[in-house]
Amino acid sequence: FYLCGDGVSDVANNISLVAPRVMICAAHEALMVIRLLS
């Protein structure tokens, strides 16, 4: 089990979602998938 993100920020707390930061977290997930498969 692997967890990506900052572990703190939550859109439920009225914090906005912006494309670059969401994409960075998505890239962490995708890269971890590739690392695991490799």
All heavy atoms as atom14 arrays in JSON, in Angstrom:
{
  "sequence": "FYLCGDGVSDVANNISLVAPRVMICAAHEALMVIRLLS",
  "atom14_mask": [
    [1, 1, 1, 1, 1, 1, 1, 1, 1, 1, 1, 0, 0, 0],
    [1, 1, 1, 1, 1, 1, 1, 1, 1, 1, 1, 1, 0, 0],
    [1, 1, 1, 1, 1, 1, 1, 1, 0, 0, 0, 0, 0, 0],
    [1, 1, 1, 1, 1, 1, 0, 0, 0, 0, 0, 0, 0, 0],
    [1, 1, 1, 1, 0, 0, 0, 0, 0, 0, 0, 0, 0, 0],
    [1, 1, 1, 1, 1, 1, 1, 1, 0, 0, 0, 0, 0, 0],
    [1, 1, 1, 1, 0, 0, 0, 0, 0, 0, 0, 0, 0, 0],
    [1, 1, 1, 1, 1, 1, 1, 0, 0, 0, 0, 0, 0, 0],
    [1, 1, 1, 1, 1, 1, 0, 0, 0, 0, 0, 0, 0, 0],
    [1, 1, 1, 1, 1, 1, 1, 1, 0, 0, 0, 0, 0, 0],
    [1, 1, 1, 1, 1, 1, 1, 0, 0, 0, 0, 0, 0, 0],
    [1, 1, 1, 1, 1, 0, 0, 0, 0, 0, 0, 0, 0, 0],
    [1, 1, 1, 1, 1, 1, 1, 1, 0, 0, 0, 0, 0, 0],
    [1, 1, 1, 1, 1, 1, 1, 1, 0, 0, 0, 0, 0, 0],
    [1, 1, 1, 1, 1, 1, 1, 1, 0, 0, 0, 0, 0, 0],
    [1, 1, 1, 1, 1, 1, 0, 0, 0, 0, 0, 0, 0, 0],
    [1, 1, 1, 1, 1, 1, 1, 1, 0, 0, 0, 0, 0, 0],
    [1, 1, 1, 1, 1, 1, 1, 0, 0, 0, 0, 0, 0, 0],
    [1, 1, 1, 1, 1, 0, 0, 0, 0, 0, 0, 0, 0, 0],
    [1, 1, 1, 1, 1, 1, 1, 0, 0, 0, 0, 0, 0, 0],
    [1, 1, 1, 1, 1, 1, 1, 1, 1, 1, 1, 0, 0, 0],
    [1, 1, 1, 1, 1, 1, 1, 0, 0, 0, 0, 0, 0, 0],
    [1, 1, 1, 1, 1, 1, 1, 1, 0, 0, 0, 0, 0, 0],
    [1, 1, 1, 1, 1, 1, 1, 1, 0, 0, 0, 0, 0, 0],
    [1, 1, 1, 1, 1, 1, 0, 0, 0, 0, 0, 0, 0, 0],
    [1, 1, 1, 1, 1, 0, 0, 0, 0, 0, 0, 0, 0, 0],
    [1, 1, 1, 1, 1, 0, 0, 0, 0, 0, 0, 0, 0, 0],
    [1, 1, 1, 1, 1, 1, 1, 1, 1, 1, 0, 0, 0, 0],
    [1, 1, 1, 1, 1, 1, 1, 1, 1, 0, 0, 0, 0, 0],
    [1, 1, 1, 1, 1, 0, 0, 0, 0, 0, 0, 0, 0, 0],
    [1, 1, 1, 1, 1, 1, 1, 1, 0, 0, 0, 0, 0, 0],
    [1, 1, 1, 1, 1, 1, 1, 1, 0, 0, 0, 0, 0, 0],
    [1, 1, 1, 1, 1, 1, 1, 0, 0, 0, 0, 0, 0, 0],
    [1, 1, 1, 1, 1, 1, 1, 1, 0, 0, 0, 0, 0, 0],
    [1, 1, 1, 1, 1, 1, 1, 1, 1, 1, 1, 0, 0, 0],
    [1, 1, 1, 1, 1, 1, 1, 1, 0, 0, 0, 0, 0, 0],
    [1, 1, 1, 1, 1, 1, 1, 1, 0, 0, 0, 0, 0, 0],
    [1, 1, 1, 1, 1, 1, 0, 0, 0, 0, 0, 0, 0, 0]
  ],
  "atom14_positions": [
    [[0.84, -1.2, 0.0], [0.0, 0.0, 0.0], [0.87, 1.25, 0.0], [1.71, 1.43, 0.88], [-0.92, -0.02, 1.22], [-1.79, 1.2, 1.39], [-2.24, 1.92, 0.3], [-2.17, 1.62, 2.66], [-3.04, 3.04, 0.47], [-2.97, 2.72, 2.84], [-3.41, 3.44, 1.74], [0.0, 0.0, 0.0], [0.0, 0.0, 0.0], [0.0, 0.0, 0.0]],
    [[0.64, 2.11, -1.01], [1.41, 3.35, -1.17], [0.45, 4.53, -1.22], [-0.61, 4.46, -1.84], [2.25, 3.29, -2.45], [3.3, 2.21, -2.4], [2.97, 0.88, -2.63], [4.62, 2.51, -2.07], [3.92, -0.12, -2.56], [5.58, 1.51, -2.0], [5.23, 0.2, -2.24], [6.17, -0.78, -2.15], [0.0, 0.0, 0.0], [0.0, 0.0, 0.0]],
    [[0.86, 5.63, -0.58], [0.0, 6.8, -0.49], [0.73, 8.03, -1.04], [1.85, 8.33, -0.62], [-0.42, 7.05, 0.96], [-1.51, 8.1, 1.2], [-2.82, 7.68, 0.54], [-1.73, 8.29, 2.71], [0.0, 0.0, 0.0], [0.0, 0.0, 0.0], [0.0, 0.0, 0.0], [0.0, 0.0, 0.0], [0.0, 0.0, 0.0], [0.0, 0.0, 0.0]],
    [[0.08, 8.74, -1.96], [0.65, 9.92, -2.58], [-0.13, 11.17, -2.18], [-1.35, 11.12, -2.01], [0.6, 9.8, -4.11], [1.33, 8.27, -4.76], [0.0, 0.0, 0.0], [0.0, 0.0, 0.0], [0.0, 0.0, 0.0], [0.0, 0.0, 0.0], [0.0, 0.0, 0.0], [0.0, 0.0, 0.0], [0.0, 0.0, 0.0], [0.0, 0.0, 0.0]],
    [[0.57, 12.28, -2.02], [-0.08, 13.55, -1.68], [0.64, 14.24, -0.55], [1.73, 13.83, -0.13], [0.0, 0.0, 0.0], [0.0, 0.0, 0.0], [0.0, 0.0, 0.0], [0.0, 0.0, 0.0], [0.0, 0.0, 0.0], [0.0, 0.0, 0.0], [0.0, 0.0, 0.0], [0.0, 0.0, 0.0], [0.0, 0.0, 0.0], [0.0, 0.0, 0.0]],
    [[0.02, 15.32, -0.04], [0.63, 16.02, 1.09], [0.05, 15.55, 2.42], [0.54, 15.93, 3.49], [0.5, 17.54, 0.94], [-0.94, 18.04, 0.92], [-1.82, 17.38, 1.5], [-1.18, 19.1, 0.32], [0.0, 0.0, 0.0], [0.0, 0.0, 0.0], [0.0, 0.0, 0.0], [0.0, 0.0, 0.0], [0.0, 0.0, 0.0], [0.0, 0.0, 0.0]],
    [[-1.04, 14.75, 2.36], [-1.63, 14.2, 3.56], [-2.37, 15.2, 4.42], [-2.84, 14.85, 5.5], [0.0, 0.0, 0.0], [0.0, 0.0, 0.0], [0.0, 0.0, 0.0], [0.0, 0.0, 0.0], [0.0, 0.0, 0.0], [0.0, 0.0, 0.0], [0.0, 0.0, 0.0], [0.0, 0.0, 0.0], [0.0, 0.0, 0.0], [0.0, 0.0, 0.0]],
    [[-2.53, 16.43, 3.91], [-3.13, 17.49, 4.73], [-4.29, 18.18, 4.02], [-5.4, 18.22, 4.53], [-2.07, 18.55, 5.12], [-2.72, 19.67, 5.92], [-0.94, 17.91, 5.92], [0.0, 0.0, 0.0], [0.0, 0.0, 0.0], [0.0, 0.0, 0.0], [0.0, 0.0, 0.0], [0.0, 0.0, 0.0], [0.0, 0.0, 0.0], [0.0, 0.0, 0.0]],
    [[-4.02, 18.75, 2.86], [-5.02, 19.59, 2.19], [-6.23, 18.78, 1.75], [-6.11, 17.64, 1.3], [-4.4, 20.3, 0.98], [-3.97, 19.35, 0.02], [0.0, 0.0, 0.0], [0.0, 0.0, 0.0], [0.0, 0.0, 0.0], [0.0, 0.0, 0.0], [0.0, 0.0, 0.0], [0.0, 0.0, 0.0], [0.0, 0.0, 0.0], [0.0, 0.0, 0.0]],
    [[-7.41, 19.37, 1.9], [-8.65, 18.67, 1.59], [-9.64, 19.66, 1.0], [-9.92, 20.7, 1.59], [-9.21, 18.04, 2.87], [-10.4, 17.13, 2.62], [-10.96, 17.16, 1.5], [-10.79, 16.39, 3.53], [0.0, 0.0, 0.0], [0.0, 0.0, 0.0], [0.0, 0.0, 0.0], [0.0, 0.0, 0.0], [0.0, 0.0, 0.0], [0.0, 0.0, 0.0]],
    [[-10.17, 19.33, -0.15], [-11.14, 20.22, -0.8], [-12.37, 20.43, 0.06], [-13.06, 21.43, -0.06], [-11.52, 19.67, -2.19], [-12.34, 18.4, -2.07], [-12.24, 20.72, -3.01], [0.0, 0.0, 0.0], [0.0, 0.0, 0.0], [0.0, 0.0, 0.0], [0.0, 0.0, 0.0], [0.0, 0.0, 0.0], [0.0, 0.0, 0.0], [0.0, 0.0, 0.0]],
    [[-12.65, 19.5, 0.97], [-13.8, 19.64, 1.87], [-13.65, 20.82, 2.81], [-14.61, 21.32, 3.37], [-14.0, 18.36, 2.67], [0.0, 0.0, 0.0], [0.0, 0.0, 0.0], [0.0, 0.0, 0.0], [0.0, 0.0, 0.0], [0.0, 0.0, 0.0], [0.0, 0.0, 0.0], [0.0, 0.0, 0.0], [0.0, 0.0, 0.0], [0.0, 0.0, 0.0]],
    [[-12.42, 21.29, 2.97], [-12.16, 22.45, 3.84], [-12.19, 23.76, 3.06], [-11.56, 24.75, 3.44], [-10.8, 22.3, 4.52], [-10.77, 21.11, 5.46], [-11.78, 20.76, 6.05], [-9.62, 20.48, 5.58], [0.0, 0.0, 0.0], [0.0, 0.0, 0.0], [0.0, 0.0, 0.0], [0.0, 0.0, 0.0], [0.0, 0.0, 0.0], [0.0, 0.0, 0.0]],
    [[-12.93, 23.76, 1.94], [-13.08, 24.94, 1.08], [-11.76, 25.41, 0.47], [-11.56, 26.6, 0.23], [-13.73, 26.1, 1.86], [-15.14, 25.77, 2.3], [-15.92, 25.21, 1.52], [-15.48, 26.11, 3.53], [0.0, 0.0, 0.0], [0.0, 0.0, 0.0], [0.0, 0.0, 0.0], [0.0, 0.0, 0.0], [0.0, 0.0, 0.0], [0.0, 0.0, 0.0]],
    [[-10.87, 24.47, 0.24], [-9.62, 24.75, -0.47], [-9.81, 24.34, -1.92], [-10.32, 23.25, -2.19], [-8.44, 23.99, 0.16], [-8.32, 24.31, 1.64], [-7.15, 24.31, -0.56], [-7.27, 23.46, 2.36], [0.0, 0.0, 0.0], [0.0, 0.0, 0.0], [0.0, 0.0, 0.0], [0.0, 0.0, 0.0], [0.0, 0.0, 0.0], [0.0, 0.0, 0.0]],
    [[-9.41, 25.19, -2.82], [-9.65, 24.91, -4.23], [-8.72, 23.84, -4.78], [-7.67, 23.54, -4.21], [-9.46, 26.2, -5.05], [-8.11, 26.64, -4.93], [0.0, 0.0, 0.0], [0.0, 0.0, 0.0], [0.0, 0.0, 0.0], [0.0, 0.0, 0.0], [0.0, 0.0, 0.0], [0.0, 0.0, 0.0], [0.0, 0.0, 0.0], [0.0, 0.0, 0.0]],
    [[-9.14, 23.24, -5.88], [-8.32, 22.31, -6.63], [-7.81, 23.03, -7.87], [-8.59, 23.62, -8.61], [-9.13, 21.08, -7.06], [-9.53, 20.11, -5.96], [-10.58, 19.14, -6.48], [-8.33, 19.35, -5.44], [0.0, 0.0, 0.0], [0.0, 0.0, 0.0], [0.0, 0.0, 0.0], [0.0, 0.0, 0.0], [0.0, 0.0, 0.0], [0.0, 0.0, 0.0]],
    [[-6.5, 22.99, -8.09], [-5.93, 23.6, -9.28], [-5.2, 22.54, -10.09], [-4.6, 21.61, -9.53], [-4.97, 24.76, -8.93], [-5.73, 25.91, -8.3], [-3.86, 24.29, -8.01], [0.0, 0.0, 0.0], [0.0, 0.0, 0.0], [0.0, 0.0, 0.0], [0.0, 0.0, 0.0], [0.0, 0.0, 0.0], [0.0, 0.0, 0.0], [0.0, 0.0, 0.0]],
    [[-5.28, 22.66, -11.4], [-4.79, 21.61, -12.3], [-3.35, 21.18, -12.02], [-3.08, 19.98, -11.93], [-4.95, 22.06, -13.75], [0.0, 0.0, 0.0], [0.0, 0.0, 0.0], [0.0, 0.0, 0.0], [0.0, 0.0, 0.0], [0.0, 0.0, 0.0], [0.0, 0.0, 0.0], [0.0, 0.0, 0.0], [0.0, 0.0, 0.0], [0.0, 0.0, 0.0]],
    [[-2.38, 22.11, -11.9], [-0.99, 21.65, -11.75], [-0.77, 20.78, -10.52], [-0.06, 19.77, -10.6], [-0.19, 22.96, -11.66], [-1.04, 23.98, -12.35], [-2.44, 23.58, -12.01], [0.0, 0.0, 0.0], [0.0, 0.0, 0.0], [0.0, 0.0, 0.0], [0.0, 0.0, 0.0], [0.0, 0.0, 0.0], [0.0, 0.0, 0.0], [0.0, 0.0, 0.0]],
    [[-1.37, 21.14, -9.4], [-1.13, 20.37, -8.18], [-1.82, 19.01, -8.23], [-1.27, 18.0, -7.76], [-1.57, 21.17, -6.96], [-0.79, 20.81, -5.69], [-0.83, 21.93, -4.66], [0.12, 21.64, -3.59], [-0.19, 20.96, -2.49], [-1.42, 20.52, -2.3], [0.72, 20.73, -1.56], [0.0, 0.0, 0.0], [0.0, 0.0, 0.0], [0.0, 0.0, 0.0]],
    [[-3.01, 18.97, -8.8], [-3.69, 17.69, -8.98], [-2.89, 16.8, -9.92], [-2.71, 15.6, -9.67], [-5.12, 17.92, -9.52], [-5.77, 16.59, -9.88], [-5.97, 18.66, -8.5], [0.0, 0.0, 0.0], [0.0, 0.0, 0.0], [0.0, 0.0, 0.0], [0.0, 0.0, 0.0], [0.0, 0.0, 0.0], [0.0, 0.0, 0.0], [0.0, 0.0, 0.0]],
    [[-2.36, 17.39, -10.99], [-1.57, 16.62, -11.95], [-0.28, 16.09, -11.34], [0.17, 14.99, -11.67], [-1.27, 17.47, -13.18], [-2.51, 17.78, -14.01], [-2.19, 18.96, -15.35], [-1.27, 17.91, -16.48], [0.0, 0.0, 0.0], [0.0, 0.0, 0.0], [0.0, 0.0, 0.0], [0.0, 0.0, 0.0], [0.0, 0.0, 0.0], [0.0, 0.0, 0.0]],
    [[0.31, 16.88, -10.44], [1.54, 16.42, -9.77], [1.25, 15.19, -8.92], [2.0, 14.21, -8.94], [2.13, 17.56, -8.91], [2.71, 18.65, -9.81], [3.2, 17.03, -7.95], [2.99, 19.95, -9.1], [0.0, 0.0, 0.0], [0.0, 0.0, 0.0], [0.0, 0.0, 0.0], [0.0, 0.0, 0.0], [0.0, 0.0, 0.0], [0.0, 0.0, 0.0]],
    [[0.13, 15.21, -8.2], [-0.22, 14.05, -7.38], [-0.55, 12.86, -8.27], [-0.15, 11.73, -7.97], [-1.41, 14.4, -6.49], [-1.76, 13.14, -5.22], [0.0, 0.0, 0.0], [0.0, 0.0, 0.0], [0.0, 0.0, 0.0], [0.0, 0.0, 0.0], [0.0, 0.0, 0.0], [0.0, 0.0, 0.0], [0.0, 0.0, 0.0], [0.0, 0.0, 0.0]],
    [[-1.24, 13.1, -9.37], [-1.55, 12.03, -10.31], [-0.26, 11.44, -10.88], [-0.16, 10.21, -11.06], [-2.44, 12.56, -11.44], [0.0, 0.0, 0.0], [0.0, 0.0, 0.0], [0.0, 0.0, 0.0], [0.0, 0.0, 0.0], [0.0, 0.0, 0.0], [0.0, 0.0, 0.0], [0.0, 0.0, 0.0], [0.0, 0.0, 0.0], [0.0, 0.0, 0.0]],
    [[0.71, 12.3, -11.17], [1.99, 11.81, -11.69], [2.71, 10.95, -10.66], [3.35, 9.95, -11.01], [2.87, 12.99, -12.1], [0.0, 0.0, 0.0], [0.0, 0.0, 0.0], [0.0, 0.0, 0.0], [0.0, 0.0, 0.0], [0.0, 0.0, 0.0], [0.0, 0.0, 0.0], [0.0, 0.0, 0.0], [0.0, 0.0, 0.0], [0.0, 0.0, 0.0]],
    [[2.6, 11.31, -9.38], [3.18, 10.47, -8.33], [2.55, 9.08, -8.35], [3.25, 8.07, -8.24], [2.95, 11.12, -6.96], [4.05, 12.02, -6.52], [5.05, 11.6, -5.66], [4.32, 13.32, -6.8], [5.89, 12.61, -5.44], [5.47, 13.66, -6.13], [0.0, 0.0, 0.0], [0.0, 0.0, 0.0], [0.0, 0.0, 0.0], [0.0, 0.0, 0.0]],
    [[1.22, 9.04, -8.47], [0.54, 7.74, -8.5], [0.98, 6.93, -9.72], [1.29, 5.74, -9.61], [-0.98, 7.92, -8.51], [-1.55, 8.32, -7.16], [-3.02, 7.96, -7.02], [-3.38, 6.78, -7.17], [-3.84, 8.88, -6.76], [0.0, 0.0, 0.0], [0.0, 0.0, 0.0], [0.0, 0.0, 0.0], [0.0, 0.0, 0.0], [0.0, 0.0, 0.0]],
    [[0.97, 7.56, -10.9], [1.34, 6.85, -12.12], [2.77, 6.34, -12.06], [3.06, 5.2, -12.46], [1.14, 7.76, -13.33], [0.0, 0.0, 0.0], [0.0, 0.0, 0.0], [0.0, 0.0, 0.0], [0.0, 0.0, 0.0], [0.0, 0.0, 0.0], [0.0, 0.0, 0.0], [0.0, 0.0, 0.0], [0.0, 0.0, 0.0], [0.0, 0.0, 0.0]],
    [[3.68, 7.17, -11.56], [5.08, 6.76, -11.47], [5.24, 5.6, -10.49], [6.01, 4.67, -10.73], [5.96, 7.93, -11.05], [7.45, 7.61, -10.91], [8.04, 7.08, -12.22], [8.22, 8.85, -10.44], [0.0, 0.0, 0.0], [0.0, 0.0, 0.0], [0.0, 0.0, 0.0], [0.0, 0.0, 0.0], [0.0, 0.0, 0.0], [0.0, 0.0, 0.0]],
    [[4.51, 5.65, -9.37], [4.61, 4.55, -8.41], [4.11, 3.25, -9.02], [4.67, 2.18, -8.79], [3.8, 4.89, -7.15], [4.12, 3.98, -5.96], [5.83, 4.12, -5.4], [6.46, 2.48, -5.7], [0.0, 0.0, 0.0], [0.0, 0.0, 0.0], [0.0, 0.0, 0.0], [0.0, 0.0, 0.0], [0.0, 0.0, 0.0], [0.0, 0.0, 0.0]],
    [[3.05, 3.34, -9.82], [2.55, 2.15, -10.52], [3.64, 1.57, -11.41], [3.91, 0.36, -11.39], [1.3, 2.5, -11.36], [0.94, 1.32, -12.28], [0.13, 2.84, -10.47], [0.0, 0.0, 0.0], [0.0, 0.0, 0.0], [0.0, 0.0, 0.0], [0.0, 0.0, 0.0], [0.0, 0.0, 0.0], [0.0, 0.0, 0.0], [0.0, 0.0, 0.0]],
    [[4.28, 2.41, -12.19], [5.33, 1.96, -13.1], [6.51, 1.38, -12.32], [7.08, 0.35, -12.7], [5.78, 3.11, -14.01], [4.63, 3.48, -14.96], [7.03, 2.74, -14.8], [4.85, 4.76, -15.73], [0.0, 0.0, 0.0], [0.0, 0.0, 0.0], [0.0, 0.0, 0.0], [0.0, 0.0, 0.0], [0.0, 0.0, 0.0], [0.0, 0.0, 0.0]],
    [[6.88, 2.02, -11.22], [7.98, 1.51, -10.4], [7.64, 0.12, -9.85], [8.48, -0.79, -9.86], [8.28, 2.48, -9.25], [9.05, 3.7, -9.7], [9.23, 4.72, -8.56], [9.8, 4.14, -7.35], [11.1, 3.88, -7.19], [11.95, 4.13, -8.18], [11.55, 3.38, -6.06], [0.0, 0.0, 0.0], [0.0, 0.0, 0.0], [0.0, 0.0, 0.0]],
    [[6.42, -0.05, -9.38], [6.02, -1.34, -8.82], [6.03, -2.43, -9.9], [6.53, -3.54, -9.66], [4.63, -1.24, -8.19], [4.54, -0.43, -6.9], [3.09, -0.17, -6.52], [5.28, -1.13, -5.77], [0.0, 0.0, 0.0], [0.0, 0.0, 0.0], [0.0, 0.0, 0.0], [0.0, 0.0, 0.0], [0.0, 0.0, 0.0], [0.0, 0.0, 0.0]],
    [[5.52, -2.11, -11.06], [5.49, -3.09, -12.14], [6.89, -3.42, -12.65], [7.12, -4.51, -13.18], [4.62, -2.59, -13.28], [3.12, -2.47, -12.94], [2.37, -1.8, -14.09], [2.51, -3.83, -12.62], [0.0, 0.0, 0.0], [0.0, 0.0, 0.0], [0.0, 0.0, 0.0], [0.0, 0.0, 0.0], [0.0, 0.0, 0.0], [0.0, 0.0, 0.0]],
    [[7.82, -2.48, -12.48], [9.19, -2.72, -12.91], [10.0, -3.48, -11.86], [11.12, -3.89, -12.12], [9.89, -1.4, -13.22], [10.15, -0.67, -12.02], [0.0, 0.0, 0.0], [0.0, 0.0, 0.0], [0.0, 0.0, 0.0], [0.0, 0.0, 0.0], [0.0, 0.0, 0.0], [0.0, 0.0, 0.0], [0.0, 0.0, 0.0], [0.0, 0.0, 0.0]]
  ]
}
